C-alpha cells in the first residue's frame, strides 16, 4: 500500500472518530479503511488506534503519530499545489457548497462558465443551506450570505452584496393598497421567510445609525425562498426577498416592487476557504470569477451601492 495514502486514511479516521465515517467521506469501504490503518501499524510495529465494538480512540503513540502525519500531508499538499501553480492552468476537482436558491440562480452560472473556459476543471457542486465544516466535509470552497462566525483557519472574501426588495402582487395591492411608509408596512399581514429561531425583522438602511427594523404580522410563514416568492405572487401578502430572486417576476408584472423610495438592505455574500500555504489555481480563479461576475446578478439601486461601498474588498 502507498504509505502517504494510508496516512491520509488514518488521519481522516482519527478526525471523524470512526472507520465508517472515514470510509463514507473518502469513498472507500469500511474494511479498506481498516486495511490502511493495519498497514501502518504493522509497518511501525505499534498500535495506533484502540478499537472496540462501541468506540475507537487514539493510543498515546497514535496521538503523536497523528500530529506528524498531519504535517506530512500538509507539506505534500503544498508541494502538489506549488507544482499546479507552476502549470498555471486550473485543473482537478473543485468541490463547492452553496445556499440552495442563491447557488442555483447566481453562483452556478458563473462556475459553469468558468468550467467551459478551463476544460481541466471538474465541478462538484452541493446545494444546502446548512453550515458545513470545510475540512471535515471535504469542500474546497463555501459560498455564504449574511453574517459569519469567526473560525480559525478559514479565510473569507466578500464577492457580492445582495439587495433585499419588498414586493407584492398587483391583486394584493388592489385589495389592500400599497404601503406608503415603513410604519404602514408593519400593519400588513406578510409572507415571512425564516427557518429556525425567532423571526428576524425586515431591515432598511438609514444614513445615520443602525438600519430600521420592521416586524410585519405573519400572514404566512415559509422556510423556502422560492415558496415565499410564489406565495407573494399568489396574493398572500408582501414579501421581503432578494432582488435576484424576484427580478423576473417584477419585470413581467407578476410582482410589484413596493416602497421604491426606500433603499434596499444589503446582505454580503462571501467565499470561504481554508487557509493553506499555496492556493491552488482552481480555487483562485473560481474566487476571482465570483467576485467579478456575481455583482451583476445583484439588482439594487445604484445610490444604495455607492453609499454602502463597492462590491469588492
Protein backbone atom coordinates (compact mmCIF):
# COMPACT_ATOMS: atom_id res chain seq x y z
CA UNK A 1 0.00 0.00 0.00
CA UNK A 2 1.03 3.59 -0.53
CA UNK A 3 2.21 4.98 2.81
CA UNK A 4 1.02 8.55 2.13
CA UNK A 5 -2.45 7.32 1.20
CA UNK A 6 -2.59 5.20 4.35
CA UNK A 7 -1.56 8.23 6.42
CA UNK A 8 -4.40 10.26 4.88
CA UNK A 9 -6.91 7.49 5.66
CA UNK A 10 -5.61 7.21 9.23
CA UNK A 11 -5.89 10.98 9.79
CA UNK A 12 -9.44 11.02 8.39
CA UNK A 13 -10.45 8.12 10.66
CA UNK A 14 -8.98 9.95 13.66
CA UNK A 15 -10.68 13.24 12.71
CA UNK A 16 -14.12 11.69 12.21
CA UNK A 17 -13.94 9.22 15.08
CA UNK A 18 -14.86 6.04 13.21
CA UNK A 19 -13.83 3.86 10.29
CA UNK A 20 -17.36 4.00 8.88
CA UNK A 21 -17.40 7.80 8.79
CA UNK A 22 -13.94 7.88 7.22
CA UNK A 23 -15.00 5.32 4.62
CA UNK A 24 -18.04 7.39 3.65
CA UNK A 25 -16.01 10.61 3.46
CA UNK A 26 -13.26 9.03 1.35
CA UNK A 27 -15.45 6.84 -0.86
CA UNK A 28 -13.89 3.63 0.48
CA UNK A 29 -15.27 0.52 2.13
CA UNK A 30 -15.02 0.12 5.89
CA UNK A 31 -12.69 -2.90 5.59
CA UNK A 32 -10.38 -0.94 3.27
CA UNK A 33 -10.04 1.82 5.89
CA UNK A 34 -9.10 -0.87 8.39
CA UNK A 35 -6.50 -2.29 6.00
CA UNK A 36 -4.82 1.11 5.63
CA UNK A 37 -4.60 1.55 9.41
CA UNK A 38 -3.34 -2.00 9.95
CA UNK A 39 -0.71 -1.46 7.22
CA UNK A 40 0.68 1.50 9.17
CA UNK A 41 0.51 -0.36 12.49
CA UNK A 42 2.34 -3.39 11.06
CA UNK A 43 4.95 -1.20 9.43
CA UNK A 44 5.51 0.77 12.66
CA UNK A 45 5.16 -2.19 14.97
CA UNK A 46 2.81 -0.27 17.27
CA UNK A 47 -0.94 0.11 17.80
CA UNK A 48 -2.30 3.47 16.59
CA UNK A 49 -5.98 3.12 17.49
CA UNK A 50 -7.78 1.33 20.31
CA UNK A 51 -10.80 -0.30 18.68
CA UNK A 52 -13.85 -1.84 20.33
CA UNK A 53 -17.32 -2.64 19.03
CA UNK A 54 -18.62 0.61 20.55
CA UNK A 55 -15.87 3.21 20.03
CA UNK A 56 -12.34 3.94 18.95
CA UNK A 57 -9.63 6.19 20.38
CA UNK A 58 -6.03 7.01 19.58
CA UNK A 59 -3.28 5.40 21.61
CA UNK A 60 -0.60 7.63 23.09
CA UNK A 61 1.69 6.66 20.22
CA UNK A 62 -1.22 7.16 17.82
CA UNK A 63 -1.74 10.74 19.03
CA UNK A 64 1.89 11.64 18.39
CA UNK A 65 1.90 9.88 15.03
CA UNK A 66 -1.36 11.63 14.07
CA UNK A 67 0.19 15.08 14.60
CA UNK A 68 3.22 14.19 12.48
CA UNK A 69 1.02 12.74 9.75
CA UNK A 70 -0.96 15.99 9.56
CA UNK A 71 2.30 17.89 9.00
CA UNK A 72 3.49 15.44 6.35
CA UNK A 73 0.18 15.54 4.48
CA UNK A 74 0.05 19.35 4.61
CA UNK A 75 3.55 19.53 3.16
CA UNK A 76 2.64 17.04 0.44
CA UNK A 77 -0.44 19.09 -0.46
CA UNK A 78 1.66 22.25 -0.51
CA UNK A 79 4.16 20.59 -2.85
CA UNK A 80 1.38 19.46 -5.18
CA UNK A 81 -0.15 22.94 -5.09
CA UNK A 82 3.19 24.51 -5.91
CA UNK A 83 3.55 22.30 -8.98
CA UNK A 84 -0.02 23.01 -10.05
CA UNK A 85 0.59 26.72 -9.62
CA UNK A 86 3.60 26.45 -11.91
CA UNK A 87 1.41 24.82 -14.53
CA UNK A 88 -0.81 27.92 -14.44
CA UNK A 89 -3.85 26.04 -15.73
CA UNK A 90 -6.66 25.34 -13.23
CA UNK A 91 -7.36 21.64 -13.16
CA UNK A 92 -8.80 18.93 -10.96
CA UNK A 93 -11.99 18.60 -8.93
CA UNK A 94 -13.39 21.73 -7.27
CA UNK A 95 -15.91 20.93 -4.52
CA UNK A 96 -18.19 23.88 -3.73
CA UNK A 97 -21.05 24.13 -1.23
CA UNK A 98 -23.58 26.96 -1.50
CA UNK A 99 -27.10 28.00 -0.42
CA UNK A 100 -29.74 26.24 -2.47
CA UNK A 101 -31.52 29.06 -4.33
CA UNK A 102 -28.71 31.62 -4.38
CA UNK A 103 -26.37 28.89 -5.56
CA UNK A 104 -28.60 27.68 -8.36
CA UNK A 105 -29.63 31.10 -9.65
CA UNK A 106 -26.42 33.11 -9.23
CA UNK A 107 -23.34 31.07 -8.32
CA UNK A 108 -23.76 28.09 -10.66
CA UNK A 109 -23.87 30.11 -13.93
CA UNK A 110 -20.55 31.73 -13.01
CA UNK A 111 -18.91 28.40 -12.21
CA UNK A 112 -20.28 26.70 -15.33
CA UNK A 113 -18.81 29.44 -17.49
CA UNK A 114 -15.52 29.03 -15.63
CA UNK A 115 -15.53 25.28 -16.35
CA UNK A 116 -16.13 25.98 -20.04
CA UNK A 117 -13.07 28.22 -20.08
CA UNK A 118 -10.92 25.63 -18.28
CA UNK A 119 -11.65 22.09 -19.55
CA UNK A 120 -9.35 20.56 -16.93
CA UNK A 121 -11.60 21.82 -14.14
CA UNK A 122 -14.16 19.39 -12.74
CA UNK A 123 -17.02 20.85 -10.71
CA UNK A 124 -18.59 19.06 -7.75
CA UNK A 125 -21.41 21.29 -6.52
CA UNK A 126 -23.55 20.87 -3.40
CA UNK A 127 -26.69 22.90 -2.67
CA UNK A 128 -27.55 23.19 1.01
CA UNK A 129 -28.43 25.95 3.45
CA UNK A 130 -26.71 24.17 6.34
CA UNK A 131 -23.31 25.42 7.54
CA UNK A 132 -20.63 22.86 6.71
CA UNK A 133 -17.11 22.27 8.02
CA UNK A 134 -14.84 22.78 5.03
CA UNK A 135 -12.19 20.37 6.28
CA UNK A 136 -14.36 17.59 7.69
CA UNK A 137 -16.81 17.65 4.77
CA UNK A 138 -14.04 17.90 2.18
CA UNK A 139 -15.04 21.12 0.39
CA UNK A 140 -12.62 23.46 -1.35
CA UNK A 141 -14.95 26.45 -1.27
CA UNK A 142 -18.13 27.58 0.50
CA UNK A 143 -20.44 30.42 -0.52
CA UNK A 144 -22.43 32.01 2.29
CA UNK A 145 -24.57 35.11 2.75
CA UNK A 146 -25.15 37.30 5.80
CA UNK A 147 -23.02 37.43 8.93
CA UNK A 148 -20.23 34.90 9.50
CA UNK A 149 -18.92 33.15 12.59
CA UNK A 150 -15.21 33.53 13.27
CA UNK A 151 -13.50 30.23 12.50
CA UNK A 152 -9.81 29.58 12.91
CA UNK A 153 -8.02 28.74 9.70
CA UNK A 154 -10.86 29.90 7.43
CA UNK A 155 -10.42 32.82 5.01
CA UNK A 156 -13.42 34.88 3.86
CA UNK A 157 -13.66 37.25 0.91
CA UNK A 158 -16.74 39.30 0.08
CA UNK A 159 -17.69 38.55 -3.51
CA UNK A 160 -21.04 40.37 -3.84
CA UNK A 161 -23.78 42.21 -1.98
CA UNK A 162 -27.38 41.12 -2.47
CA UNK A 163 -30.12 43.71 -2.16
CA UNK A 164 -33.44 43.00 -0.46
CA UNK A 165 -36.72 44.10 -2.05
CA UNK A 166 -40.27 44.39 -0.69
CA UNK A 167 -42.81 43.27 -3.25
CA UNK A 168 -46.43 42.12 -3.58
CA UNK A 169 -48.79 41.01 -6.32
CA UNK A 170 -50.98 43.52 -8.21
CA UNK A 171 -54.04 41.68 -6.85
CA UNK A 172 -52.91 42.15 -3.27
CA UNK A 173 -52.24 45.85 -3.85
CA UNK A 174 -55.68 46.27 -5.43
CA UNK A 175 -57.36 44.67 -2.40
CA UNK A 176 -55.25 46.13 0.42
CA UNK A 177 -53.40 49.08 -1.06
CA UNK A 178 -49.66 49.65 -1.24
CA UNK A 179 -47.85 50.64 1.97
CA UNK A 180 -46.62 54.21 1.82
CA UNK A 181 -44.09 54.02 4.65
CA UNK A 182 -42.32 51.56 6.92
CA UNK A 183 -44.91 52.14 9.64
CA UNK A 184 -47.63 51.39 7.12
CA UNK A 185 -45.80 48.24 6.00
CA UNK A 186 -45.73 46.94 9.58
CA UNK A 187 -49.53 46.85 9.58
CA UNK A 188 -49.75 44.44 6.64
CA UNK A 189 -50.01 40.67 7.01
CA UNK A 190 -46.93 39.49 5.18
CA UNK A 191 -45.28 36.40 3.75
CA UNK A 192 -42.38 35.72 6.13
CA UNK A 193 -39.36 33.61 5.27
CA UNK A 194 -37.40 32.01 8.10
CA UNK A 195 -36.01 28.62 9.10
CA UNK A 196 -35.27 28.39 12.82
CA UNK A 197 -35.34 30.55 15.93
CA UNK A 198 -37.11 33.89 16.43
CA UNK A 199 -38.42 35.64 13.33
CA UNK A 200 -35.86 38.27 12.27
CA UNK A 201 -37.02 41.78 11.31
CA UNK A 202 -37.08 43.24 7.84
CA UNK A 203 -34.19 45.71 7.62
CA UNK A 204 -33.95 49.04 5.84
CA UNK A 205 -30.72 51.10 5.79
CA UNK A 206 -30.59 54.62 7.20
CA UNK A 207 -27.92 57.25 6.51
CA UNK A 208 -27.18 57.65 10.20
CA UNK A 209 -27.36 54.89 12.78
CA UNK A 210 -28.39 51.25 12.57
CA UNK A 211 -30.95 50.04 9.99
CA UNK A 212 -34.65 50.49 10.62
CA UNK A 213 -36.42 47.31 11.71
CA UNK A 214 -39.92 46.31 10.64
CA UNK A 215 -41.84 43.37 12.13
CA UNK A 216 -44.81 42.71 9.82
CA UNK A 217 -47.60 40.48 11.06
CA UNK A 218 -47.35 36.92 9.77
CA UNK A 219 -49.98 36.09 7.19
CA UNK A 220 -47.93 33.12 6.06
CA UNK A 221 -44.59 31.72 7.23
CA UNK A 222 -42.42 29.52 4.98
CA UNK A 223 -38.90 28.08 5.12
CA UNK A 224 -38.18 28.22 1.39
CA UNK A 225 -37.33 31.40 -0.58
CA UNK A 226 -38.95 30.25 -3.82
CA UNK A 227 -42.11 29.31 -1.95
CA UNK A 228 -42.18 32.79 -0.39
CA UNK A 229 -41.96 34.37 -3.86
CA UNK A 230 -44.73 32.05 -5.13
CA UNK A 231 -46.95 32.97 -2.20
CA UNK A 232 -46.40 36.69 -2.70
CA UNK A 233 -47.21 36.34 -6.42
CA UNK A 234 -50.40 34.46 -5.47
CA UNK A 235 -51.56 37.44 -3.39
CA UNK A 236 -50.77 36.14 0.10
CA UNK A 237 -49.14 39.43 1.12
CA UNK A 238 -45.96 41.47 0.73
CA UNK A 239 -42.62 39.68 1.00
CA UNK A 240 -39.05 40.84 1.68
CA UNK A 241 -36.87 38.92 -0.73
CA UNK A 242 -33.54 39.13 -2.58
CA UNK A 243 -33.76 41.16 -5.78
CA UNK A 244 -32.12 38.39 -7.83
CA UNK A 245 -34.95 36.04 -6.86
CA UNK A 246 -37.86 38.29 -7.87
CA UNK A 247 -36.40 40.41 -10.69
CA UNK A 248 -38.03 38.40 -13.50
CA UNK A 249 -41.39 38.40 -11.71
CA UNK A 250 -41.17 42.18 -11.27
CA UNK A 251 -40.26 42.68 -14.93
CA UNK A 252 -43.20 40.54 -16.03
CA UNK A 253 -45.63 42.35 -13.72
CA UNK A 254 -46.34 39.26 -11.63
CA UNK A 255 -44.95 41.18 -8.64
CA UNK A 256 -44.73 44.90 -7.95
CA UNK A 257 -41.85 46.48 -6.04
CA UNK A 258 -43.06 48.45 -3.01
CA UNK A 259 -41.54 51.42 -1.17
CA UNK A 260 -39.38 52.25 -4.19
CA UNK A 261 -38.14 55.41 -2.49
CA UNK A 262 -36.71 53.41 0.41
CA UNK A 263 -33.24 51.88 -0.12
CA UNK A 264 -32.96 48.13 -0.02
CA UNK A 265 -30.90 46.43 2.67
CA UNK A 266 -27.64 44.81 1.53
CA UNK A 267 -26.54 41.34 2.64
CA UNK A 268 -22.93 40.41 1.96
CA UNK A 269 -22.10 37.22 0.07
CA UNK A 270 -18.78 35.59 0.95
CA UNK A 271 -16.46 32.97 -0.48
CA UNK A 272 -14.81 30.92 2.28
CA UNK A 273 -11.87 28.55 2.06
CA UNK A 274 -9.32 27.01 4.40
CA UNK A 275 -6.00 28.77 4.84
CA UNK A 276 -3.20 26.94 3.02
CA UNK A 277 0.45 27.75 2.23
CA UNK A 278 -0.34 27.77 -1.50
CA UNK A 279 -3.74 28.47 -3.04
CA UNK A 280 -4.45 26.06 -5.92
CA UNK A 281 -5.13 27.79 -9.26
CA UNK A 282 -8.57 26.15 -9.46
CA UNK A 283 -9.56 27.84 -6.21
CA UNK A 284 -8.04 31.21 -7.06
CA UNK A 285 -9.72 31.51 -10.47
CA UNK A 286 -13.09 30.45 -9.01
CA UNK A 287 -12.99 33.09 -6.28
CA UNK A 288 -11.85 35.78 -8.73
CA UNK A 289 -14.61 34.84 -11.19
CA UNK A 290 -17.27 35.02 -8.48
CA UNK A 291 -16.03 38.42 -7.27
CA UNK A 292 -16.07 39.75 -10.83
CA UNK A 293 -19.38 38.34 -12.02
CA UNK A 294 -21.70 37.79 -9.05
CA UNK A 295 -22.40 41.53 -8.54
CA UNK A 296 -24.04 41.50 -11.99
CA UNK A 297 -26.75 39.22 -10.60
CA UNK A 298 -27.48 41.56 -7.68
CA UNK A 299 -30.06 44.14 -8.72
CA UNK A 300 -30.08 47.18 -6.45
CA UNK A 301 -30.44 50.93 -6.57
CA UNK A 302 -27.05 52.38 -7.56
CA UNK A 303 -27.33 55.06 -4.87
CA UNK A 304 -27.55 52.33 -2.25
CA UNK A 305 -24.49 50.56 -3.59
CA UNK A 306 -22.43 53.74 -3.74
CA UNK A 307 -23.45 54.73 -0.22
CA UNK A 308 -22.58 51.29 1.17
CA UNK A 309 -19.29 50.91 -0.70
CA UNK A 310 -18.11 48.88 -3.66
CA UNK A 311 -18.78 45.18 -4.19
CA UNK A 312 -15.24 44.07 -3.54
CA UNK A 313 -12.88 44.49 -0.61
